[in-house]
Full PDB file with SEQRES, HELIX, SHEET, SSBOND, CRYST1, ORIGX, SCALE, CONECT and MASTER records, all heavy atoms in Angstrom:
SEQRES   1 A   40  LEU SER PRO ARG GLU GLN GLU CYS LEU GLN TRP VAL CYS          
SEQRES   2 A   40  ARG GLY LYS SER SER ALA ASP ILE GLY ILE ILE LEU THR          
SEQRES   3 A   40  LEU SER PRO ARG THR VAL ASP SER TYR LEU GLU LYS VAL          
SEQRES   4 A   40  CYS                                                          
HELIX    1 AA1 PRO A    3  CYS A   13  1                                  11    
HELIX    2 AA2 SER A   18  LEU A   25  1                                   8    
HELIX    3 AA3 PRO A   29  VAL A   39  1                                  11    
CRYST1    1.000    1.000    1.000  90.00  90.00  90.00 P 1           1          
ORIGX1      1.000000  0.000000  0.000000        0.00000                         
ORIGX2      0.000000  1.000000  0.000000        0.00000                         
ORIGX3      0.000000  0.000000  1.000000        0.00000                         
SCALE1      1.000000  0.000000  0.000000        0.00000                         
SCALE2      0.000000  1.000000  0.000000        0.00000                         
SCALE3      0.000000  0.000000  1.000000        0.00000                         
ATOM      1  N   LEU A   1     -72.822  -4.492  32.204  1.00  0.00           N  
ATOM      2  CA  LEU A   1     -71.607  -4.752  32.960  1.00  0.00           C  
ATOM      3  C   LEU A   1     -71.639  -6.187  33.457  1.00  0.00           C  
ATOM      4  O   LEU A   1     -72.690  -6.696  33.835  1.00  0.00           O  
ATOM      5  CB  LEU A   1     -71.517  -3.804  34.165  1.00  0.00           C  
ATOM      6  CG  LEU A   1     -71.543  -2.311  33.875  1.00  0.00           C  
ATOM      7  CD1 LEU A   1     -71.433  -1.528  35.179  1.00  0.00           C  
ATOM      8  CD2 LEU A   1     -70.442  -1.909  32.918  1.00  0.00           C  
ATOM      9  N   SER A   2     -70.468  -6.813  33.472  1.00  0.00           N  
ATOM     10  CA  SER A   2     -70.383  -8.166  34.016  1.00  0.00           C  
ATOM     11  C   SER A   2     -70.627  -8.096  35.524  1.00  0.00           C  
ATOM     12  O   SER A   2     -70.443  -7.042  36.140  1.00  0.00           O  
ATOM     13  CB  SER A   2     -69.004  -8.766  33.744  1.00  0.00           C  
ATOM     14  OG  SER A   2     -68.038  -8.180  34.602  1.00  0.00           O  
ATOM     15  N   PRO A   3     -71.008  -9.208  36.124  1.00  0.00           N  
ATOM     16  CA  PRO A   3     -71.191  -9.206  37.578  1.00  0.00           C  
ATOM     17  C   PRO A   3     -69.940  -8.723  38.323  1.00  0.00           C  
ATOM     18  O   PRO A   3     -70.035  -7.979  39.298  1.00  0.00           O  
ATOM     19  CB  PRO A   3     -71.501 -10.665  37.903  1.00  0.00           C  
ATOM     20  CG  PRO A   3     -72.115 -11.192  36.647  1.00  0.00           C  
ATOM     21  CD  PRO A   3     -71.407 -10.475  35.525  1.00  0.00           C  
ATOM     22  N   ARG A   4     -68.760  -9.094  37.858  1.00  0.00           N  
ATOM     23  CA  ARG A   4     -67.518  -8.687  38.522  1.00  0.00           C  
ATOM     24  C   ARG A   4     -67.287  -7.187  38.355  1.00  0.00           C  
ATOM     25  O   ARG A   4     -66.841  -6.511  39.295  1.00  0.00           O  
ATOM     26  CB  ARG A   4     -66.349  -9.488  37.938  1.00  0.00           C  
ATOM     27  CG  ARG A   4     -65.167  -9.615  38.841  1.00  0.00           C  
ATOM     28  CD  ARG A   4     -65.546 -10.134  40.219  1.00  0.00           C  
ATOM     29  NE  ARG A   4     -64.559 -11.031  40.716  1.00  0.00           N  
ATOM     30  CZ  ARG A   4     -64.544 -11.517  41.936  1.00  0.00           C  
ATOM     31  NH1 ARG A   4     -65.482 -11.213  42.799  1.00  0.00           N  
ATOM     32  NH2 ARG A   4     -63.620 -12.337  42.309  1.00  0.00           N  
ATOM     33  N   GLU A   5     -67.590  -6.653  37.162  1.00  0.00           N  
ATOM     34  CA  GLU A   5     -67.460  -5.211  36.935  1.00  0.00           C  
ATOM     35  C   GLU A   5     -68.413  -4.444  37.849  1.00  0.00           C  
ATOM     36  O   GLU A   5     -68.028  -3.446  38.463  1.00  0.00           O  
ATOM     37  CB  GLU A   5     -67.743  -4.869  35.468  1.00  0.00           C  
ATOM     38  CG  GLU A   5     -66.671  -5.354  34.511  1.00  0.00           C  
ATOM     39  CD  GLU A   5     -67.081  -5.327  33.058  1.00  0.00           C  
ATOM     40  OE1 GLU A   5     -68.280  -5.170  32.757  1.00  0.00           O  
ATOM     41  OE2 GLU A   5     -66.185  -5.485  32.206  1.00  0.00           O  
ATOM     42  N   GLN A   6     -69.633  -4.935  37.972  1.00  0.00           N  
ATOM     43  CA  GLN A   6     -70.613  -4.293  38.863  1.00  0.00           C  
ATOM     44  C   GLN A   6     -70.128  -4.328  40.304  1.00  0.00           C  
ATOM     45  O   GLN A   6     -70.255  -3.344  41.037  1.00  0.00           O  
ATOM     46  CB  GLN A   6     -71.970  -5.000  38.777  1.00  0.00           C  
ATOM     47  CG  GLN A   6     -72.745  -4.683  37.529  1.00  0.00           C  
ATOM     48  CD  GLN A   6     -74.059  -5.424  37.487  1.00  0.00           C  
ATOM     49  OE1 GLN A   6     -74.111  -6.632  37.727  1.00  0.00           O  
ATOM     50  NE2 GLN A   6     -75.124  -4.716  37.175  1.00  0.00           N  
ATOM     51  N   GLU A   7     -69.592  -5.473  40.692  1.00  0.00           N  
ATOM     52  CA  GLU A   7     -69.111  -5.644  42.064  1.00  0.00           C  
ATOM     53  C   GLU A   7     -67.983  -4.657  42.382  1.00  0.00           C  
ATOM     54  O   GLU A   7     -68.004  -3.987  43.414  1.00  0.00           O  
ATOM     55  CB  GLU A   7     -68.604  -7.084  42.209  1.00  0.00           C  
ATOM     56  CG  GLU A   7     -68.665  -7.653  43.576  1.00  0.00           C  
ATOM     57  CD  GLU A   7     -68.325  -9.140  43.582  1.00  0.00           C  
ATOM     58  OE1 GLU A   7     -67.884  -9.701  42.554  1.00  0.00           O  
ATOM     59  OE2 GLU A   7     -68.499  -9.730  44.660  1.00  0.00           O  
ATOM     60  N   CYS A   8     -67.020  -4.546  41.474  1.00  0.00           N  
ATOM     61  CA  CYS A   8     -65.910  -3.608  41.671  1.00  0.00           C  
ATOM     62  C   CYS A   8     -66.444  -2.177  41.756  1.00  0.00           C  
ATOM     63  O   CYS A   8     -66.046  -1.412  42.640  1.00  0.00           O  
ATOM     64  CB  CYS A   8     -64.901  -3.722  40.533  1.00  0.00           C  
ATOM     65  SG  CYS A   8     -63.908  -5.231  40.566  1.00  0.00           S  
ATOM     66  N   LEU A   9     -67.349  -1.830  40.865  1.00  0.00           N  
ATOM     67  CA  LEU A   9     -67.889  -0.474  40.845  1.00  0.00           C  
ATOM     68  C   LEU A   9     -68.710  -0.180  42.096  1.00  0.00           C  
ATOM     69  O   LEU A   9     -68.670   0.924  42.633  1.00  0.00           O  
ATOM     70  CB  LEU A   9     -68.731  -0.277  39.579  1.00  0.00           C  
ATOM     71  CG  LEU A   9     -69.012   1.166  39.184  1.00  0.00           C  
ATOM     72  CD1 LEU A   9     -67.723   1.953  39.014  1.00  0.00           C  
ATOM     73  CD2 LEU A   9     -69.844   1.221  37.924  1.00  0.00           C  
ATOM     74  N   GLN A  10     -69.413  -1.192  42.574  1.00  0.00           N  
ATOM     75  CA  GLN A  10     -70.193  -1.022  43.809  1.00  0.00           C  
ATOM     76  C   GLN A  10     -69.267  -0.678  44.976  1.00  0.00           C  
ATOM     77  O   GLN A  10     -69.587   0.180  45.790  1.00  0.00           O  
ATOM     78  CB  GLN A  10     -70.967  -2.317  44.106  1.00  0.00           C  
ATOM     79  CG  GLN A  10     -71.992  -2.181  45.201  1.00  0.00           C  
ATOM     80  CD  GLN A  10     -73.222  -1.400  44.778  1.00  0.00           C  
ATOM     81  OE1 GLN A  10     -73.905  -1.781  43.843  1.00  0.00           O  
ATOM     82  NE2 GLN A  10     -73.489  -0.306  45.441  1.00  0.00           N  
ATOM     83  N   TRP A  11     -68.093  -1.317  45.028  1.00  0.00           N  
ATOM     84  CA  TRP A  11     -67.133  -1.022  46.098  1.00  0.00           C  
ATOM     85  C   TRP A  11     -66.525   0.361  45.918  1.00  0.00           C  
ATOM     86  O   TRP A  11     -66.257   1.056  46.908  1.00  0.00           O  
ATOM     87  CB  TRP A  11     -66.066  -2.106  46.189  1.00  0.00           C  
ATOM     88  CG  TRP A  11     -66.571  -3.351  46.844  1.00  0.00           C  
ATOM     89  CD1 TRP A  11     -66.781  -4.568  46.255  1.00  0.00           C  
ATOM     90  CD2 TRP A  11     -66.972  -3.497  48.213  1.00  0.00           C  
ATOM     91  NE1 TRP A  11     -67.286  -5.457  47.180  1.00  0.00           N  
ATOM     92  CE2 TRP A  11     -67.413  -4.829  48.386  1.00  0.00           C  
ATOM     93  CE3 TRP A  11     -67.001  -2.644  49.309  1.00  0.00           C  
ATOM     94  CZ2 TRP A  11     -67.873  -5.320  49.605  1.00  0.00           C  
ATOM     95  CZ3 TRP A  11     -67.464  -3.121  50.532  1.00  0.00           C  
ATOM     96  CH2 TRP A  11     -67.890  -4.452  50.661  1.00  0.00           C  
ATOM     97  N   VAL A  12     -66.290   0.780  44.669  1.00  0.00           N  
ATOM     98  CA  VAL A  12     -65.817   2.150  44.420  1.00  0.00           C  
ATOM     99  C   VAL A  12     -66.848   3.135  44.959  1.00  0.00           C  
ATOM    100  O   VAL A  12     -66.506   4.124  45.605  1.00  0.00           O  
ATOM    101  CB  VAL A  12     -65.572   2.399  42.914  1.00  0.00           C  
ATOM    102  CG1 VAL A  12     -65.315   3.888  42.648  1.00  0.00           C  
ATOM    103  CG2 VAL A  12     -64.407   1.566  42.413  1.00  0.00           C  
ATOM    104  N   CYS A  13     -68.122   2.842  44.721  1.00  0.00           N  
ATOM    105  CA  CYS A  13     -69.217   3.684  45.196  1.00  0.00           C  
ATOM    106  C   CYS A  13     -69.168   3.818  46.717  1.00  0.00           C  
ATOM    107  O   CYS A  13     -69.569   4.845  47.269  1.00  0.00           O  
ATOM    108  CB  CYS A  13     -70.551   3.087  44.734  1.00  0.00           C  
ATOM    109  SG  CYS A  13     -71.993   4.089  45.104  1.00  0.00           S  
ATOM    110  N   ARG A  14     -68.660   2.812  47.381  1.00  0.00           N  
ATOM    111  CA  ARG A  14     -68.560   2.839  48.849  1.00  0.00           C  
ATOM    112  C   ARG A  14     -67.228   3.404  49.325  1.00  0.00           C  
ATOM    113  O   ARG A  14     -66.880   3.283  50.499  1.00  0.00           O  
ATOM    114  CB  ARG A  14     -68.750   1.429  49.400  1.00  0.00           C  
ATOM    115  CG  ARG A  14     -70.158   0.922  49.156  1.00  0.00           C  
ATOM    116  CD  ARG A  14     -70.462  -0.332  49.937  1.00  0.00           C  
ATOM    117  NE  ARG A  14     -71.872  -0.652  49.789  1.00  0.00           N  
ATOM    118  CZ  ARG A  14     -72.329  -1.727  49.177  1.00  0.00           C  
ATOM    119  NH1 ARG A  14     -71.514  -2.619  48.669  1.00  0.00           N  
ATOM    120  NH2 ARG A  14     -73.634  -1.935  49.095  1.00  0.00           N  
ATOM    121  N   GLY A  15     -66.452   3.961  48.397  1.00  0.00           N  
ATOM    122  CA  GLY A  15     -65.221   4.655  48.776  1.00  0.00           C  
ATOM    123  C   GLY A  15     -63.981   3.799  48.880  1.00  0.00           C  
ATOM    124  O   GLY A  15     -62.966   4.247  49.420  1.00  0.00           O  
ATOM    125  N   LYS A  16     -64.034   2.580  48.364  1.00  0.00           N  
ATOM    126  CA  LYS A  16     -62.872   1.689  48.483  1.00  0.00           C  
ATOM    127  C   LYS A  16     -61.869   1.917  47.351  1.00  0.00           C  
ATOM    128  O   LYS A  16     -62.245   2.195  46.215  1.00  0.00           O  
ATOM    129  CB  LYS A  16     -63.318   0.221  48.454  1.00  0.00           C  
ATOM    130  CG  LYS A  16     -64.257  -0.166  49.581  1.00  0.00           C  
ATOM    131  CD  LYS A  16     -63.605  -0.025  50.929  1.00  0.00           C  
ATOM    132  CE  LYS A  16     -64.521  -0.508  52.044  1.00  0.00           C  
ATOM    133  NZ  LYS A  16     -63.982  -0.193  53.361  1.00  0.00           N  
ATOM    134  N   SER A  17     -60.589   1.761  47.682  1.00  0.00           N  
ATOM    135  CA  SER A  17     -59.508   1.855  46.683  1.00  0.00           C  
ATOM    136  C   SER A  17     -59.373   0.522  45.952  1.00  0.00           C  
ATOM    137  O   SER A  17     -59.931  -0.500  46.379  1.00  0.00           O  
ATOM    138  CB  SER A  17     -58.188   2.164  47.385  1.00  0.00           C  
ATOM    139  OG  SER A  17     -57.789   1.045  48.168  1.00  0.00           O  
ATOM    140  N   SER A  18     -58.600   0.529  44.884  1.00  0.00           N  
ATOM    141  CA  SER A  18     -58.339  -0.726  44.164  1.00  0.00           C  
ATOM    142  C   SER A  18     -57.688  -1.758  45.081  1.00  0.00           C  
ATOM    143  O   SER A  18     -58.007  -2.942  45.010  1.00  0.00           O  
ATOM    144  CB  SER A  18     -57.443  -0.476  42.948  1.00  0.00           C  
ATOM    145  OG  SER A  18     -58.127   0.292  41.994  1.00  0.00           O  
ATOM    146  N   ALA A  19     -56.783  -1.300  45.941  1.00  0.00           N  
ATOM    147  CA  ALA A  19     -56.123  -2.230  46.876  1.00  0.00           C  
ATOM    148  C   ALA A  19     -57.153  -2.835  47.832  1.00  0.00           C  
ATOM    149  O   ALA A  19     -57.152  -4.051  48.067  1.00  0.00           O  
ATOM    150  CB  ALA A  19     -55.021  -1.518  47.647  1.00  0.00           C  
ATOM    151  N   ASP A  20     -58.043  -1.981  48.364  1.00  0.00           N  
ATOM    152  CA  ASP A  20     -59.093  -2.475  49.269  1.00  0.00           C  
ATOM    153  C   ASP A  20     -59.999  -3.480  48.561  1.00  0.00           C  
ATOM    154  O   ASP A  20     -60.322  -4.540  49.100  1.00  0.00           O  
ATOM    155  CB  ASP A  20     -59.992  -1.325  49.757  1.00  0.00           C  
ATOM    156  CG  ASP A  20     -59.278  -0.350  50.677  1.00  0.00           C  
ATOM    157  OD1 ASP A  20     -58.293  -0.747  51.327  1.00  0.00           O  
ATOM    158  OD2 ASP A  20     -59.723   0.820  50.733  1.00  0.00           O  
ATOM    159  N   ILE A  21     -60.416  -3.115  47.357  1.00  0.00           N  
ATOM    160  CA  ILE A  21     -61.326  -3.986  46.587  1.00  0.00           C  
ATOM    161  C   ILE A  21     -60.638  -5.316  46.295  1.00  0.00           C  
ATOM    162  O   ILE A  21     -61.256  -6.375  46.379  1.00  0.00           O  
ATOM    163  CB  ILE A  21     -61.780  -3.292  45.285  1.00  0.00           C  
ATOM    164  CG1 ILE A  21     -62.587  -2.030  45.615  1.00  0.00           C  
ATOM    165  CG2 ILE A  21     -62.616  -4.247  44.427  1.00  0.00           C  
ATOM    166  CD1 ILE A  21     -62.809  -1.096  44.435  1.00  0.00           C  
ATOM    167  N   GLY A  22     -59.350  -5.241  45.979  1.00  0.00           N  
ATOM    168  CA  GLY A  22     -58.588  -6.469  45.717  1.00  0.00           C  
ATOM    169  C   GLY A  22     -58.597  -7.405  46.912  1.00  0.00           C  
ATOM    170  O   GLY A  22     -58.777  -8.621  46.763  1.00  0.00           O  
ATOM    171  N   ILE A  23     -58.438  -6.836  48.101  1.00  0.00           N  
ATOM    172  CA  ILE A  23     -58.456  -7.652  49.316  1.00  0.00           C  
ATOM    173  C   ILE A  23     -59.851  -8.261  49.515  1.00  0.00           C  
ATOM    174  O   ILE A  23     -59.987  -9.446  49.787  1.00  0.00           O  
ATOM    175  CB  ILE A  23     -58.034  -6.815  50.546  1.00  0.00           C  
ATOM    176  CG1 ILE A  23     -56.543  -6.468  50.437  1.00  0.00           C  
ATOM    177  CG2 ILE A  23     -58.333  -7.555  51.849  1.00  0.00           C  
ATOM    178  CD1 ILE A  23     -56.084  -5.381  51.390  1.00  0.00           C  
ATOM    179  N   ILE A  24     -60.878  -7.431  49.359  1.00  0.00           N  
ATOM    180  CA  ILE A  24     -62.255  -7.894  49.564  1.00  0.00           C  
ATOM    181  C   ILE A  24     -62.611  -9.023  48.593  1.00  0.00           C  
ATOM    182  O   ILE A  24     -63.235 -10.017  48.973  1.00  0.00           O  
ATOM    183  CB  ILE A  24     -63.245  -6.718  49.409  1.00  0.00           C  
ATOM    184  CG1 ILE A  24     -63.046  -5.698  50.545  1.00  0.00           C  
ATOM    185  CG2 ILE A  24     -64.689  -7.209  49.381  1.00  0.00           C  
ATOM    186  CD1 ILE A  24     -63.668  -4.332  50.275  1.00  0.00           C  
ATOM    187  N   LEU A  25     -62.220  -8.850  47.320  1.00  0.00           N  
ATOM    188  CA  LEU A  25     -62.625  -9.813  46.277  1.00  0.00           C  
ATOM    189  C   LEU A  25     -61.533 -10.830  45.946  1.00  0.00           C  
ATOM    190  O   LEU A  25     -61.698 -11.622  45.019  1.00  0.00           O  
ATOM    191  CB  LEU A  25     -63.010  -9.055  44.996  1.00  0.00           C  
ATOM    192  CG  LEU A  25     -64.151  -8.046  45.130  1.00  0.00           C  
ATOM    193  CD1 LEU A  25     -64.416  -7.367  43.785  1.00  0.00           C  
ATOM    194  CD2 LEU A  25     -65.418  -8.711  45.650  1.00  0.00           C  
ATOM    195  N   THR A  26     -60.441 -10.821  46.704  1.00  0.00           N  
ATOM    196  CA  THR A  26     -59.273 -11.664  46.448  1.00  0.00           C  
ATOM    197  C   THR A  26     -58.810 -11.584  44.988  1.00  0.00           C  
ATOM    198  O   THR A  26     -58.684 -12.580  44.290  1.00  0.00           O  
ATOM    199  CB  THR A  26     -59.485 -13.147  46.887  1.00  0.00           C  
ATOM    200  OG1 THR A  26     -60.565 -13.716  46.153  1.00  0.00           O  
ATOM    201  CG2 THR A  26     -59.755 -13.247  48.376  1.00  0.00           C  
ATOM    202  N   LEU A  27     -58.567 -10.339  44.577  1.00  0.00           N  
ATOM    203  CA  LEU A  27     -58.009 -10.041  43.252  1.00  0.00           C  
ATOM    204  C   LEU A  27     -56.798  -9.137  43.452  1.00  0.00           C  
ATOM    205  O   LEU A  27     -56.685  -8.481  44.486  1.00  0.00           O  
ATOM    206  CB  LEU A  27     -59.036  -9.283  42.397  1.00  0.00           C  
ATOM    207  CG  LEU A  27     -60.376  -9.945  42.104  1.00  0.00           C  
ATOM    208  CD1 LEU A  27     -61.329  -8.934  41.481  1.00  0.00           C  
ATOM    209  CD2 LEU A  27     -60.173 -11.131  41.182  1.00  0.00           C  
ATOM    210  N   SER A  28     -55.933  -9.072  42.458  1.00  0.00           N  
ATOM    211  CA  SER A  28     -54.837  -8.102  42.551  1.00  0.00           C  
ATOM    212  C   SER A  28     -55.412  -6.712  42.257  1.00  0.00           C  
ATOM    213  O   SER A  28     -56.401  -6.587  41.520  1.00  0.00           O  
ATOM    214  CB  SER A  28     -53.730  -8.435  41.547  1.00  0.00           C  
ATOM    215  OG  SER A  28     -54.113  -8.036  40.243  1.00  0.00           O  
ATOM    216  N   PRO A  29     -54.798  -5.675  42.824  1.00  0.00           N  
ATOM    217  CA  PRO A  29     -55.257  -4.320  42.512  1.00  0.00           C  
ATOM    218  C   PRO A  29     -55.239  -4.044  41.007  1.00  0.00           C  
ATOM    219  O   PRO A  29     -56.103  -3.348  40.486  1.00  0.00           O  
ATOM    220  CB  PRO A  29     -54.259  -3.421  43.250  1.00  0.00           C  
ATOM    221  CG  PRO A  29     -53.758  -4.270  44.375  1.00  0.00           C  
ATOM    222  CD  PRO A  29     -53.738  -5.682  43.833  1.00  0.00           C  
ATOM    223  N   ARG A  30     -54.282  -4.622  40.306  1.00  0.00           N  
ATOM    224  CA  ARG A  30     -54.189  -4.434  38.844  1.00  0.00           C  
ATOM    225  C   ARG A  30     -55.411  -5.038  38.152  1.00  0.00           C  
ATOM    226  O   ARG A  30     -55.938  -4.467  37.190  1.00  0.00           O  
ATOM    227  CB  ARG A  30     -52.894  -5.075  38.322  1.00  0.00           C  
ATOM    228  CG  ARG A  30     -52.699  -4.941  36.843  1.00  0.00           C  
ATOM    229  CD  ARG A  30     -52.435  -3.477  36.444  1.00  0.00           C  
ATOM    230  NE  ARG A  30     -52.656  -3.302  35.029  1.00  0.00           N  
ATOM    231  CZ  ARG A  30     -53.703  -2.669  34.485  1.00  0.00           C  
ATOM    232  NH1 ARG A  30     -54.638  -2.136  35.234  1.00  0.00           N  
ATOM    233  NH2 ARG A  30     -53.822  -2.564  33.179  1.00  0.00           N  
ATOM    234  N   THR A  31     -55.868  -6.187  38.623  1.00  0.00           N  
ATOM    235  CA  THR A  31     -57.060  -6.816  38.042  1.00  0.00           C  
ATOM    236  C   THR A  31     -58.288  -5.947  38.306  1.00  0.00           C  
ATOM    237  O   THR A  31     -59.124  -5.748  37.423  1.00  0.00           O  
ATOM    238  CB  THR A  31     -57.254  -8.235  38.617  1.00  0.00           C  
ATOM    239  OG1 THR A  31     -56.089  -9.014  38.298  1.00  0.00           O  
ATOM    240  CG2 THR A  31     -58.480  -8.910  38.036  1.00  0.00           C  
ATOM    241  N   VAL A  32     -58.369  -5.403  39.511  1.00  0.00           N  
ATOM    242  CA  VAL A  32     -59.473  -4.494  39.841  1.00  0.00           C  
ATOM    243  C   VAL A  32     -59.441  -3.296  38.893  1.00  0.00           C  
ATOM    244  O   VAL A  32     -60.466  -2.911  38.317  1.00  0.00           O  
ATOM    245  CB  VAL A  32     -59.391  -4.028  41.311  1.00  0.00           C  
ATOM    246  CG1 VAL A  32     -60.419  -2.940  41.595  1.00  0.00           C  
ATOM    247  CG2 VAL A  32     -59.571  -5.206  42.261  1.00  0.00           C  
ATOM    248  N   ASP A  33     -58.252  -2.707  38.704  1.00  0.00           N  
ATOM    249  CA  ASP A  33     -58.115  -1.568  37.796  1.00  0.00           C  
ATOM    250  C   ASP A  33     -58.554  -1.944  36.376  1.00  0.00           C  
ATOM    251  O   ASP A  33     -59.188  -1.145  35.691  1.00  0.00           O  
ATOM    252  CB  ASP A  33     -56.674  -1.063  37.763  1.00  0.00           C  
ATOM    253  CG  ASP A  33     -56.285  -0.306  39.020  1.00  0.00           C  
ATOM    254  OD1 ASP A  33     -57.195   0.157  39.753  1.00  0.00           O  
ATOM    255  OD2 ASP A  33     -55.071  -0.183  39.279  1.00  0.00           O  
ATOM    256  N   SER A  34     -58.213  -3.137  35.959  1.00  0.00           N  
ATOM    257  CA  SER A  34     -58.599  -3.607  34.627  1.00  0.00           C  
ATOM    258  C   SER A  34     -60.124  -3.664  34.493  1.00  0.00           C  
ATOM    259  O   SER A  34     -60.687  -3.217  33.487  1.00  0.00           O  
ATOM    260  CB  SER A  34     -57.973  -4.977  34.372  1.00  0.00           C  
ATOM    261  OG  SER A  34     -58.394  -5.475  33.128  1.00  0.00           O  
ATOM    262  N   TYR A  35     -60.795  -4.223  35.502  1.00  0.00           N  
ATOM    263  CA  TYR A  35     -62.262  -4.256  35.478  1.00  0.00           C  
ATOM    264  C   TYR A  35     -62.827  -2.840  35.402  1.00  0.00           C  
ATOM    265  O   TYR A  35     -63.749  -2.561  34.635  1.00  0.00           O  
ATOM    266  CB  TYR A  35     -62.818  -4.950  36.727  1.00  0.00           C  
ATOM    267  CG  TYR A  35     -62.777  -6.446  36.680  1.00  0.00           C  
ATOM    268  CD1 TYR A  35     -62.091  -7.175  37.641  1.00  0.00           C  
ATOM    269  CD2 TYR A  35     -63.444  -7.155  35.689  1.00  0.00           C  
ATOM    270  CE1 TYR A  35     -62.052  -8.566  37.618  1.00  0.00           C  
ATOM    271  CE2 TYR A  35     -63.418  -8.538  35.649  1.00  0.00           C  
ATOM    272  CZ  TYR A  35     -62.716  -9.237  36.611  1.00  0.00           C  
ATOM    273  OH  TYR A  35     -62.687 -10.616  36.568  1.00  0.00           O  
ATOM    274  N   LEU A  36     -62.261  -1.933  36.188  1.00  0.00           N  
ATOM    275  CA  LEU A  36     -62.783  -0.566  36.231  1.00  0.00           C  
ATOM    276  C   LEU A  36     -62.497   0.188  34.933  1.00  0.00           C  
ATOM    277  O   LEU A  36     -63.305   1.014  34.503  1.00  0.00           O  
ATOM    278  CB  LEU A  36     -62.231   0.168  37.445  1.00  0.00           C  
ATOM    279  CG  LEU A  36     -62.727  -0.398  38.786  1.00  0.00           C  
ATOM    280  CD1 LEU A  36     -61.973   0.228  39.943  1.00  0.00           C  
ATOM    281  CD2 LEU A  36     -64.234  -0.214  38.949  1.00  0.00           C  
ATOM    282  N   GLU A  37     -61.374  -0.123  34.276  1.00  0.00           N  
ATOM    283  CA  GLU A  37     -61.089   0.472  32.968  1.00  0.00           C  
ATOM    284  C   GLU A  37     -62.131   0.017  31.947  1.00  0.00           C  
ATOM    285  O   GLU A  37     -62.594   0.815  31.127  1.00  0.00           O  
ATOM    286  CB  GLU A  37     -59.690   0.087  32.492  1.00  0.00           C  
ATOM    287  CG  GLU A  37     -58.580   0.838  33.203  1.00  0.00           C  
ATOM    288  CD  GLU A  37     -57.200   0.221  32.975  1.00  0.00           C  
ATOM    289  OE1 GLU A  37     -57.026  -0.565  32.024  1.00  0.00           O  
ATOM    290  OE2 GLU A  37     -56.295   0.545  33.771  1.00  0.00           O  
ATOM    291  N   LYS A  38     -62.504  -1.266  32.006  1.00  0.00           N  
ATOM    292  CA  LYS A  38     -63.540  -1.776  31.097  1.00  0.00           C  
ATOM    293  C   LYS A  38     -64.871  -1.084  31.359  1.00  0.00           C  
ATOM    294  O   LYS A  38     -65.602  -0.759  30.430  1.00  0.00           O  
ATOM    295  CB  LYS A  38     -63.690  -3.292  31.255  1.00  0.00           C  
ATOM    296  CG  LYS A  38     -62.544  -4.074  30.676  1.00  0.00           C  
ATOM    297  CD  LYS A  38     -62.729  -5.562  30.898  1.00  0.00           C  
ATOM    298  CE  LYS A  38     -61.465  -6.306  30.558  1.00  0.00           C  
ATOM    299  NZ  LYS A  38     -61.409  -7.618  31.172  1.00  0.00           N  
ATOM    300  N   VAL A  39     -65.187  -0.875  32.640  1.00  0.00           N  
ATOM    301  CA  VAL A  39     -66.426  -0.183  33.010  1.00  0.00           C  
ATOM    302  C   VAL A  39     -66.429   1.226  32.421  1.00  0.00           C  
ATOM    303  O   VAL A  39     -67.417   1.652  31.808  1.00  0.00           O  
ATOM    304  CB  VAL A  39     -66.586  -0.120  34.549  1.00  0.00           C  
ATOM    305  CG1 VAL A  39     -67.697   0.845  34.934  1.00  0.00           C  
ATOM    306  CG2 VAL A  39     -66.854  -1.504  35.123  1.00  0.00           C  
ATOM    307  N   CYS A  40     -65.328   1.953  32.594  1.00  0.00           N  
ATOM    308  CA  CYS A  40     -65.242   3.320  32.074  1.00  0.00           C  
ATOM    309  C   CYS A  40     -65.413   3.337  30.555  1.00  0.00           C  
ATOM    310  O   CYS A  40     -66.116   4.201  30.017  1.00  0.00           O  
ATOM    311  CB  CYS A  40     -63.917   3.965  32.465  1.00  0.00           C  
ATOM    312  SG  CYS A  40     -63.825   4.422  34.218  1.00  0.00           S  
TER     313      CYS A  40                                                      
MASTER        0    0    0    3    0    0    0    6  312    1    0    4          
END                                                                             
């Protein structure tokens, strides 16, 4: 996994939504979803 994919997944592990992760990482929720789709 890329560092960004790991980072997004780590936040999912902590119960964060795509919107929350987007705020934390300054990404759009859609970009977060894209990273998580690649992870899956």
